[in-house]
N, C-alpha and C. Protein backbone atom coordinates (compact mmCIF):
# COMPACT_ATOMS: atom_id res chain seq x y z
N MET A 1 0.37 -0.12 9.11
CA MET A 1 -0.63 0.90 8.77
C MET A 1 -0.61 1.12 7.26
N ASN A 2 -1.76 1.07 6.63
CA ASN A 2 -1.84 1.29 5.20
C ASN A 2 -2.31 2.73 4.91
N TYR A 3 -1.69 3.30 3.92
CA TYR A 3 -2.04 4.61 3.46
C TYR A 3 -2.98 4.47 2.25
N ASP A 4 -3.88 5.42 2.08
CA ASP A 4 -4.77 5.48 0.96
C ASP A 4 -3.99 6.21 -0.15
N VAL A 5 -3.81 5.59 -1.30
CA VAL A 5 -3.07 6.18 -2.40
C VAL A 5 -4.08 6.65 -3.47
N ARG A 6 -3.99 7.93 -3.80
CA ARG A 6 -4.82 8.52 -4.83
C ARG A 6 -3.95 9.21 -5.86
N LEU A 7 -4.42 9.28 -7.09
CA LEU A 7 -3.71 9.95 -8.15
C LEU A 7 -4.48 11.15 -8.62
N ARG A 8 -3.79 12.24 -8.79
CA ARG A 8 -4.43 13.38 -9.42
C ARG A 8 -4.66 13.05 -10.88
N ARG A 9 -5.55 13.82 -11.50
CA ARG A 9 -5.94 13.56 -12.89
C ARG A 9 -4.71 13.54 -13.80
N GLU A 10 -3.82 14.49 -13.68
CA GLU A 10 -2.65 14.57 -14.54
C GLU A 10 -1.76 13.32 -14.33
N ALA A 11 -1.60 12.90 -13.11
CA ALA A 11 -0.78 11.70 -12.82
C ALA A 11 -1.45 10.48 -13.43
N GLN A 12 -2.77 10.36 -13.33
CA GLN A 12 -3.46 9.21 -13.92
C GLN A 12 -3.32 9.20 -15.43
N LYS A 13 -3.41 10.37 -16.05
CA LYS A 13 -3.23 10.43 -17.50
C LYS A 13 -1.82 10.04 -17.90
N ASN A 14 -0.84 10.48 -17.15
CA ASN A 14 0.56 10.11 -17.44
C ASN A 14 0.77 8.63 -17.27
N LEU A 15 0.21 8.06 -16.25
CA LEU A 15 0.33 6.61 -16.01
C LEU A 15 -0.34 5.84 -17.13
N ASP A 16 -1.52 6.28 -17.56
CA ASP A 16 -2.26 5.57 -18.62
C ASP A 16 -1.48 5.58 -19.96
N ARG A 17 -0.61 6.55 -20.18
CA ARG A 17 0.18 6.63 -21.41
C ARG A 17 1.34 5.64 -21.43
N LEU A 18 1.73 5.15 -20.28
CA LEU A 18 2.87 4.21 -20.22
C LEU A 18 2.45 2.86 -20.79
N ARG A 19 3.40 2.13 -21.32
CA ARG A 19 3.15 0.84 -21.91
C ARG A 19 4.12 -0.17 -21.37
N GLY A 20 3.73 -1.42 -21.38
CA GLY A 20 4.60 -2.55 -21.09
C GLY A 20 5.25 -2.53 -19.73
N LYS A 21 6.53 -2.86 -19.73
CA LYS A 21 7.30 -3.00 -18.50
C LYS A 21 7.31 -1.69 -17.70
N GLY A 22 7.44 -0.58 -18.41
CA GLY A 22 7.46 0.72 -17.70
C GLY A 22 6.21 0.93 -16.87
N TYR A 23 5.04 0.60 -17.45
CA TYR A 23 3.78 0.76 -16.71
C TYR A 23 3.78 -0.14 -15.49
N GLU A 24 4.18 -1.39 -15.69
CA GLU A 24 4.14 -2.38 -14.59
C GLU A 24 5.00 -1.93 -13.39
N VAL A 25 6.22 -1.50 -13.70
CA VAL A 25 7.15 -1.13 -12.63
C VAL A 25 6.66 0.11 -11.91
N VAL A 26 6.20 1.09 -12.65
CA VAL A 26 5.72 2.36 -12.05
C VAL A 26 4.42 2.04 -11.22
N PHE A 27 3.53 1.28 -11.76
CA PHE A 27 2.28 0.96 -11.08
C PHE A 27 2.56 0.23 -9.78
N GLU A 28 3.47 -0.77 -9.81
CA GLU A 28 3.83 -1.52 -8.58
C GLU A 28 4.48 -0.62 -7.54
N THR A 29 5.30 0.31 -8.00
CA THR A 29 5.94 1.26 -7.06
C THR A 29 4.88 2.14 -6.39
N ILE A 30 3.89 2.63 -7.19
CA ILE A 30 2.84 3.42 -6.60
C ILE A 30 2.06 2.63 -5.55
N LEU A 31 1.75 1.37 -5.89
CA LEU A 31 1.02 0.52 -4.94
C LEU A 31 1.83 0.29 -3.66
N SER A 32 3.13 0.20 -3.80
CA SER A 32 4.00 -0.07 -2.63
C SER A 32 3.99 1.11 -1.65
N LEU A 33 3.57 2.30 -2.11
CA LEU A 33 3.53 3.47 -1.21
C LEU A 33 2.44 3.33 -0.18
N ARG A 34 1.49 2.38 -0.40
CA ARG A 34 0.46 2.12 0.61
C ARG A 34 1.07 1.63 1.93
N ASN A 35 2.09 0.80 1.81
CA ASN A 35 2.68 0.19 2.99
C ASN A 35 3.81 1.03 3.53
N ASN A 36 4.50 1.74 2.64
CA ASN A 36 5.65 2.57 3.09
C ASN A 36 5.78 3.78 2.20
N PRO A 37 5.23 4.93 2.58
CA PRO A 37 5.29 6.12 1.74
C PRO A 37 6.68 6.78 1.74
N ARG A 38 7.55 6.30 2.58
CA ARG A 38 8.91 6.88 2.62
C ARG A 38 9.96 5.78 2.54
N PRO A 39 10.04 5.09 1.36
CA PRO A 39 11.05 4.06 1.22
C PRO A 39 12.47 4.67 1.20
N GLU A 40 13.49 3.85 1.28
CA GLU A 40 14.84 4.31 1.37
C GLU A 40 15.23 5.19 0.17
N SER A 41 14.72 4.94 -0.99
CA SER A 41 15.15 5.64 -2.21
C SER A 41 14.39 6.96 -2.41
N VAL A 42 13.52 7.35 -1.54
CA VAL A 42 12.71 8.57 -1.69
C VAL A 42 13.57 9.81 -1.33
N LYS A 43 13.25 10.90 -2.01
CA LYS A 43 13.90 12.19 -1.73
C LYS A 43 12.86 13.21 -1.52
N LYS A 44 13.03 14.09 -0.55
CA LYS A 44 12.13 15.18 -0.32
C LYS A 44 12.52 16.33 -1.20
N LEU A 45 11.59 16.94 -1.91
CA LEU A 45 11.87 18.06 -2.78
C LEU A 45 11.91 19.32 -1.95
N LYS A 46 12.88 20.14 -2.17
CA LYS A 46 13.08 21.38 -1.38
C LYS A 46 11.91 22.32 -1.54
N ASP A 47 11.53 22.91 -0.46
CA ASP A 47 10.56 24.03 -0.42
C ASP A 47 9.17 23.69 -0.98
N SER A 48 8.84 22.42 -1.17
CA SER A 48 7.54 22.13 -1.75
C SER A 48 6.68 21.21 -0.84
N GLY A 49 7.33 20.49 0.03
CA GLY A 49 6.60 19.52 0.84
C GLY A 49 6.27 18.24 0.07
N LEU A 50 6.77 18.12 -1.17
CA LEU A 50 6.55 16.92 -1.97
C LEU A 50 7.72 15.97 -1.90
N TRP A 51 7.44 14.75 -2.28
CA TRP A 51 8.45 13.70 -2.28
C TRP A 51 8.61 13.18 -3.69
N ARG A 52 9.79 12.63 -3.97
CA ARG A 52 10.10 12.10 -5.31
C ARG A 52 10.72 10.71 -5.15
N ILE A 53 10.25 9.80 -5.94
CA ILE A 53 10.87 8.48 -6.02
C ILE A 53 11.23 8.19 -7.48
N ARG A 54 12.43 7.67 -7.66
CA ARG A 54 12.92 7.41 -8.98
C ARG A 54 12.71 5.92 -9.34
N VAL A 55 12.15 5.66 -10.51
CA VAL A 55 11.88 4.32 -11.00
C VAL A 55 12.47 4.27 -12.41
N GLY A 56 13.71 3.90 -12.53
CA GLY A 56 14.38 3.89 -13.84
C GLY A 56 14.40 5.30 -14.43
N ASP A 57 13.86 5.50 -15.59
CA ASP A 57 13.81 6.84 -16.23
C ASP A 57 12.62 7.67 -15.78
N PHE A 58 11.79 7.06 -14.95
CA PHE A 58 10.55 7.73 -14.53
C PHE A 58 10.69 8.32 -13.14
N ARG A 59 9.90 9.39 -12.89
CA ARG A 59 9.82 9.99 -11.59
C ARG A 59 8.39 10.01 -11.15
N ILE A 60 8.16 9.67 -9.87
CA ILE A 60 6.83 9.74 -9.25
C ILE A 60 6.93 10.79 -8.18
N VAL A 61 6.15 11.88 -8.34
CA VAL A 61 6.13 12.97 -7.40
C VAL A 61 4.85 12.89 -6.64
N TYR A 62 4.92 12.99 -5.28
CA TYR A 62 3.74 12.79 -4.50
C TYR A 62 3.82 13.53 -3.16
N ALA A 63 2.65 13.67 -2.55
CA ALA A 63 2.54 14.35 -1.23
C ALA A 63 2.07 13.29 -0.23
N ILE A 64 2.54 13.44 1.02
CA ILE A 64 2.15 12.54 2.07
C ILE A 64 1.39 13.34 3.13
N ASP A 65 0.22 12.85 3.49
CA ASP A 65 -0.58 13.46 4.54
C ASP A 65 -0.72 12.46 5.68
N ASP A 66 0.14 12.57 6.70
CA ASP A 66 0.13 11.59 7.81
C ASP A 66 -1.12 11.72 8.66
N SER A 67 -1.72 12.90 8.71
CA SER A 67 -2.91 13.06 9.52
C SER A 67 -4.10 12.30 9.00
N THR A 68 -4.16 12.06 7.70
CA THR A 68 -5.25 11.26 7.10
C THR A 68 -4.75 9.97 6.51
N ASP A 69 -3.51 9.64 6.74
CA ASP A 69 -2.89 8.44 6.19
C ASP A 69 -3.14 8.29 4.70
N SER A 70 -2.78 9.34 3.95
CA SER A 70 -3.01 9.31 2.52
C SER A 70 -1.76 9.79 1.76
N VAL A 71 -1.64 9.26 0.56
CA VAL A 71 -0.59 9.63 -0.38
C VAL A 71 -1.27 10.11 -1.64
N ILE A 72 -0.90 11.29 -2.13
CA ILE A 72 -1.49 11.84 -3.32
C ILE A 72 -0.41 11.93 -4.38
N VAL A 73 -0.55 11.17 -5.45
CA VAL A 73 0.45 11.17 -6.53
C VAL A 73 0.15 12.38 -7.43
N VAL A 74 1.10 13.29 -7.52
CA VAL A 74 0.92 14.54 -8.27
C VAL A 74 1.34 14.36 -9.71
N ARG A 75 2.41 13.63 -9.95
CA ARG A 75 2.95 13.53 -11.31
C ARG A 75 3.68 12.22 -11.50
N VAL A 76 3.51 11.65 -12.66
CA VAL A 76 4.28 10.47 -13.10
C VAL A 76 4.83 10.85 -14.44
N THR A 77 6.15 10.92 -14.60
CA THR A 77 6.73 11.41 -15.81
C THR A 77 8.16 10.89 -16.02
N ARG A 78 8.64 10.96 -17.24
CA ARG A 78 10.03 10.70 -17.54
C ARG A 78 10.86 11.87 -17.02
N ARG A 79 12.04 11.61 -16.61
CA ARG A 79 12.92 12.67 -16.13
C ARG A 79 13.30 13.60 -17.33
N SER A 80 13.08 14.88 -17.09
CA SER A 80 13.45 15.90 -18.08
C SER A 80 13.65 17.21 -17.33
N GLU A 81 13.98 18.25 -18.03
CA GLU A 81 14.17 19.56 -17.37
C GLU A 81 12.84 20.09 -16.83
N ASP A 82 11.72 19.63 -17.35
CA ASP A 82 10.41 20.15 -16.95
C ASP A 82 9.75 19.32 -15.86
N THR A 83 10.41 18.24 -15.40
CA THR A 83 9.81 17.32 -14.46
C THR A 83 9.30 18.04 -13.20
N TYR A 84 10.09 18.95 -12.66
CA TYR A 84 9.76 19.52 -11.39
C TYR A 84 9.21 20.97 -11.48
N LYS A 85 8.97 21.43 -12.71
CA LYS A 85 8.42 22.76 -12.91
C LYS A 85 6.89 22.69 -12.69
N ARG A 86 6.32 23.76 -12.24
CA ARG A 86 4.88 23.92 -12.02
C ARG A 86 4.32 22.88 -11.08
N LEU A 87 4.99 22.57 -10.04
CA LEU A 87 4.43 21.64 -9.04
C LEU A 87 3.64 22.43 -8.08
């Protein structure tokens, strides 16, 4: 079963700012969520219903809606103290 993967505007802007190998790895990881939105390396964020996958120094934060078979990428960012604020 394939999930529809969509990016929020902020996540798209963050992805567009990436360059080179970082962009390629993050983009491929996002595309892989179509086939498996819950890979082994995924962690569920407490009290938010969101999921987080780590790709090197980057974090991809997303929501999964099984009723519509969709994944919504909320944020793509480097790990910092502000990564999980204002989700």
